[in-house]
């Protein structure tokens, strides 16, 4: 019999003032979203949503 895969529980983390400051700095520097994701240990979707809520652009290379 195959074992049933258990789904990993998602632990949400609050955005601190320092996190927001870092995100704004990366936005200004035009850092790619994938790179920010690895540095902050947050998903690309989470970063994009927070940037949208803050009204800042994120990682577009156009």
C-alpha atoms as a PDB file:
ATOM      1  CA  UNK A   1       0.000   0.000   0.000  1.00  0.00           C
ATOM      2  CA  UNK A   2       1.165   3.495  -0.823  1.00  0.00           C
ATOM      3  CA  UNK A   3       1.557   5.917   2.041  1.00  0.00           C
ATOM      4  CA  UNK A   4      -0.603   9.003   1.922  1.00  0.00           C
ATOM      5  CA  UNK A   5       1.514  12.144   1.504  1.00  0.00           C
ATOM      6  CA  UNK A   6       0.958  14.635   4.281  1.00  0.00           C
ATOM      7  CA  UNK A   7       0.689  18.227   3.232  1.00  0.00           C
ATOM      8  CA  UNK A   8       3.146  20.671   4.809  1.00  0.00           C
ATOM      9  CA  UNK A   9       1.386  23.242   7.012  1.00  0.00           C
ATOM     10  CA  UNK A  10       1.898  26.846   5.969  1.00  0.00           C
ATOM     11  CA  UNK A  11       3.116  29.081   8.784  1.00  0.00           C
ATOM     12  CA  UNK A  12       2.256  32.692   7.998  1.00  0.00           C
ATOM     13  CA  UNK A  13       4.678  35.425   8.964  1.00  0.00           C
ATOM     14  CA  UNK A  14       3.697  39.016   9.622  1.00  0.00           C
ATOM     15  CA  UNK A  15       5.345  41.776   7.602  1.00  0.00           C
ATOM     16  CA  UNK A  16       7.567  43.826   9.897  1.00  0.00           C
ATOM     17  CA  UNK A  17       8.575  47.438   9.214  1.00  0.00           C
ATOM     18  CA  UNK A  18      12.064  46.146   8.356  1.00  0.00           C
ATOM     19  CA  UNK A  19      10.592  43.660   5.831  1.00  0.00           C
ATOM     20  CA  UNK A  20       8.647  46.454   4.124  1.00  0.00           C
ATOM     21  CA  UNK A  21      11.718  48.718   4.058  1.00  0.00           C
ATOM     22  CA  UNK A  22      13.750  45.896   2.459  1.00  0.00           C
ATOM     23  CA  UNK A  23      11.018  45.254  -0.134  1.00  0.00           C
ATOM     24  CA  UNK A  24      10.932  48.956  -1.064  1.00  0.00           C
ATOM     25  CA  UNK A  25      14.743  49.001  -1.411  1.00  0.00           C
ATOM     26  CA  UNK A  26      14.627  45.976  -3.740  1.00  0.00           C
ATOM     27  CA  UNK A  27      11.842  47.620  -5.723  1.00  0.00           C
ATOM     28  CA  UNK A  28      13.939  50.747  -6.232  1.00  0.00           C
ATOM     29  CA  UNK A  29      16.982  48.650  -7.190  1.00  0.00           C
ATOM     30  CA  UNK A  30      14.846  46.616  -9.657  1.00  0.00           C
ATOM     31  CA  UNK A  31      15.939  43.306  -8.128  1.00  0.00           C
ATOM     32  CA  UNK A  32      14.331  40.265  -9.840  1.00  0.00           C
ATOM     33  CA  UNK A  33      11.419  38.856  -7.825  1.00  0.00           C
ATOM     34  CA  UNK A  34      12.906  35.335  -7.738  1.00  0.00           C
ATOM     35  CA  UNK A  35      16.048  36.697  -6.095  1.00  0.00           C
ATOM     36  CA  UNK A  36      14.039  38.710  -3.517  1.00  0.00           C
ATOM     37  CA  UNK A  37      12.019  35.559  -2.813  1.00  0.00           C
ATOM     38  CA  UNK A  38      15.142  33.574  -1.927  1.00  0.00           C
ATOM     39  CA  UNK A  39      16.589  36.389   0.204  1.00  0.00           C
ATOM     40  CA  UNK A  40      13.413  37.027   2.200  1.00  0.00           C
ATOM     41  CA  UNK A  41      12.224  33.388   2.326  1.00  0.00           C
ATOM     42  CA  UNK A  42       8.793  34.426   1.046  1.00  0.00           C
ATOM     43  CA  UNK A  43       6.939  33.233  -2.049  1.00  0.00           C
ATOM     44  CA  UNK A  44       6.881  35.250  -5.264  1.00  0.00           C
ATOM     45  CA  UNK A  45       3.099  35.567  -4.885  1.00  0.00           C
ATOM     46  CA  UNK A  46       3.403  36.944  -1.348  1.00  0.00           C
ATOM     47  CA  UNK A  47       5.954  39.526  -2.493  1.00  0.00           C
ATOM     48  CA  UNK A  48       3.814  40.610  -5.441  1.00  0.00           C
ATOM     49  CA  UNK A  49       0.699  40.933  -3.270  1.00  0.00           C
ATOM     50  CA  UNK A  50       2.508  43.048  -0.671  1.00  0.00           C
ATOM     51  CA  UNK A  51       4.014  45.272  -3.387  1.00  0.00           C
ATOM     52  CA  UNK A  52       0.555  45.711  -4.917  1.00  0.00           C
ATOM     53  CA  UNK A  53      -0.902  46.691  -1.519  1.00  0.00           C
ATOM     54  CA  UNK A  54       1.937  49.165  -0.956  1.00  0.00           C
ATOM     55  CA  UNK A  55       1.529  50.586  -4.461  1.00  0.00           C
ATOM     56  CA  UNK A  56       5.112  49.896  -5.537  1.00  0.00           C
ATOM     57  CA  UNK A  57       6.418  48.178  -8.661  1.00  0.00           C
ATOM     58  CA  UNK A  58       8.314  44.931  -8.370  1.00  0.00           C
ATOM     59  CA  UNK A  59      10.887  43.226 -10.575  1.00  0.00           C
ATOM     60  CA  UNK A  60       9.657  44.146 -14.049  1.00  0.00           C
ATOM     61  CA  UNK A  61      12.478  44.373 -16.570  1.00  0.00           C
ATOM     62  CA  UNK A  62      10.675  46.294 -19.337  1.00  0.00           C
END
